[in-house]
Amino acid sequence: MCETYHIPLGEVKIDEYKKILESKDLLPGRKVLKENINDTFLIIRSVGIDNLEELIEALKNKKKWKTLHLKQG
């Protein structure tokens, strides 16, 4: 028997994810995630994204992604 273990992304609040990103040393290609992190997460919350699962779904959805991108400027 092999059980699959995963993090329930819907339970990871967006502010919790922001703190995780801020506290970790990221690979060079991922350091861009920390640029303007406060403004970025303010925009993410402003469009109603409350958890990591919603963020991932929004980034898969072209219309929602454009909304995030346009708000960031």
C-alpha atoms as a PDB file:
ATOM      1  CA  MET A   1       0.000   0.000   0.000  1.00  0.00           C
ATOM      2  CA  CYS A   2       1.333   3.351  -1.013  1.00  0.00           C
ATOM      3  CA  GLU A   3      -0.376   6.483   0.191  1.00  0.00           C
ATOM      4  CA  THR A   4       0.176   9.796  -1.502  1.00  0.00           C
ATOM      5  CA  TYR A   5       1.172  12.607   0.789  1.00  0.00           C
ATOM      6  CA  HIS A   6       0.669  16.189  -0.225  1.00  0.00           C
ATOM      7  CA  ILE A   7       0.068  19.585   1.290  1.00  0.00           C
ATOM      8  CA  PRO A   8      -3.600  20.598   1.048  1.00  0.00           C
ATOM      9  CA  LEU A   9      -3.009  23.833  -0.869  1.00  0.00           C
ATOM     10  CA  GLY A  10      -6.427  25.210   0.045  1.00  0.00           C
ATOM     11  CA  GLU A  11      -5.318  25.271   3.665  1.00  0.00           C
ATOM     12  CA  VAL A  12      -2.204  27.373   3.006  1.00  0.00           C
ATOM     13  CA  LYS A  13      -3.371  30.963   3.458  1.00  0.00           C
ATOM     14  CA  ILE A  14      -1.879  33.525   1.086  1.00  0.00           C
ATOM     15  CA  ASP A  15      -0.274  35.512   3.934  1.00  0.00           C
ATOM     16  CA  GLU A  16       1.263  32.301   5.261  1.00  0.00           C
ATOM     17  CA  TYR A  17       2.733  31.598   1.812  1.00  0.00           C
ATOM     18  CA  LYS A  18       4.150  35.130   1.678  1.00  0.00           C
ATOM     19  CA  LYS A  19       5.908  34.564   5.020  1.00  0.00           C
ATOM     20  CA  ILE A  20       7.302  31.265   3.730  1.00  0.00           C
ATOM     21  CA  LEU A  21       8.719  32.973   0.642  1.00  0.00           C
ATOM     22  CA  GLU A  22      10.204  35.798   2.716  1.00  0.00           C
ATOM     23  CA  SER A  23      11.925  33.411   5.111  1.00  0.00           C
ATOM     24  CA  LYS A  24      13.511  31.068   2.558  1.00  0.00           C
ATOM     25  CA  ASP A  25      16.663  31.303   0.499  1.00  0.00           C
ATOM     26  CA  LEU A  26      15.439  30.841  -3.040  1.00  0.00           C
ATOM     27  CA  LEU A  27      17.269  29.554  -6.076  1.00  0.00           C
ATOM     28  CA  PRO A  28      18.551  32.379  -8.298  1.00  0.00           C
ATOM     29  CA  GLY A  29      15.794  31.805 -10.855  1.00  0.00           C
ATOM     30  CA  ARG A  30      13.121  32.098  -8.135  1.00  0.00           C
ATOM     31  CA  LYS A  31      14.433  35.221  -6.392  1.00  0.00           C
ATOM     32  CA  VAL A  32      12.144  37.315  -8.567  1.00  0.00           C
ATOM     33  CA  LEU A  33       9.304  36.032  -6.364  1.00  0.00           C
ATOM     34  CA  LYS A  34      10.606  38.267  -3.571  1.00  0.00           C
ATOM     35  CA  GLU A  35      10.731  41.442  -5.671  1.00  0.00           C
ATOM     36  CA  ASN A  36       7.971  43.864  -4.626  1.00  0.00           C
ATOM     37  CA  ILE A  37       6.526  41.047  -2.525  1.00  0.00           C
ATOM     38  CA  ASN A  38       4.348  43.340  -0.385  1.00  0.00           C
ATOM     39  CA  ASP A  39       2.738  45.026  -3.401  1.00  0.00           C
ATOM     40  CA  THR A  40       2.349  41.728  -5.233  1.00  0.00           C
ATOM     41  CA  PHE A  41       0.558  40.027  -2.363  1.00  0.00           C
ATOM     42  CA  LEU A  42      -1.615  43.093  -1.795  1.00  0.00           C
ATOM     43  CA  ILE A  43      -2.785  42.763  -5.408  1.00  0.00           C
ATOM     44  CA  ILE A  44      -3.303  39.018  -5.038  1.00  0.00           C
ATOM     45  CA  ARG A  45      -5.520  39.586  -1.986  1.00  0.00           C
ATOM     46  CA  SER A  46      -7.378  42.448  -3.713  1.00  0.00           C
ATOM     47  CA  VAL A  47      -8.698  40.095  -6.405  1.00  0.00           C
ATOM     48  CA  GLY A  48     -10.056  37.708  -3.789  1.00  0.00           C
ATOM     49  CA  ILE A  49      -7.322  35.096  -3.682  1.00  0.00           C
ATOM     50  CA  ASP A  50      -7.110  33.773  -0.124  1.00  0.00           C
ATOM     51  CA  ASN A  51      -5.040  30.597  -0.371  1.00  0.00           C
ATOM     52  CA  LEU A  52      -2.375  28.860  -2.415  1.00  0.00           C
ATOM     53  CA  GLU A  53      -4.842  26.641  -4.283  1.00  0.00           C
ATOM     54  CA  GLU A  54      -6.753  29.710  -5.517  1.00  0.00           C
ATOM     55  CA  LEU A  55      -3.480  31.375  -6.560  1.00  0.00           C
ATOM     56  CA  ILE A  56      -2.409  28.351  -8.597  1.00  0.00           C
ATOM     57  CA  GLU A  57      -5.821  28.180 -10.289  1.00  0.00           C
ATOM     58  CA  ALA A  58      -5.719  31.915 -11.040  1.00  0.00           C
ATOM     59  CA  LEU A  59      -2.306  31.586 -12.642  1.00  0.00           C
ATOM     60  CA  LYS A  60      -3.659  28.790 -14.856  1.00  0.00           C
ATOM     61  CA  ASN A  61      -6.614  30.976 -15.884  1.00  0.00           C
ATOM     62  CA  LYS A  62      -5.509  33.403 -18.610  1.00  0.00           C
ATOM     63  CA  LYS A  63      -8.186  36.023 -17.847  1.00  0.00           C
ATOM     64  CA  LYS A  64      -7.467  36.041 -14.089  1.00  0.00           C
ATOM     65  CA  TRP A  65      -3.709  36.125 -14.753  1.00  0.00           C
ATOM     66  CA  LYS A  66      -4.136  39.179 -16.992  1.00  0.00           C
ATOM     67  CA  THR A  67      -6.108  40.909 -14.224  1.00  0.00           C
ATOM     68  CA  LEU A  68      -3.261  40.289 -11.769  1.00  0.00           C
ATOM     69  CA  HIS A  69      -0.661  41.396 -14.298  1.00  0.00           C
ATOM     70  CA  LEU A  70      -2.508  44.610 -15.233  1.00  0.00           C
ATOM     71  CA  LYS A  71      -3.058  45.594 -11.598  1.00  0.00           C
ATOM     72  CA  GLN A  72       0.639  45.205 -10.898  1.00  0.00           C
ATOM     73  CA  GLY A  73       1.342  47.640 -13.672  1.00  0.00           C
END
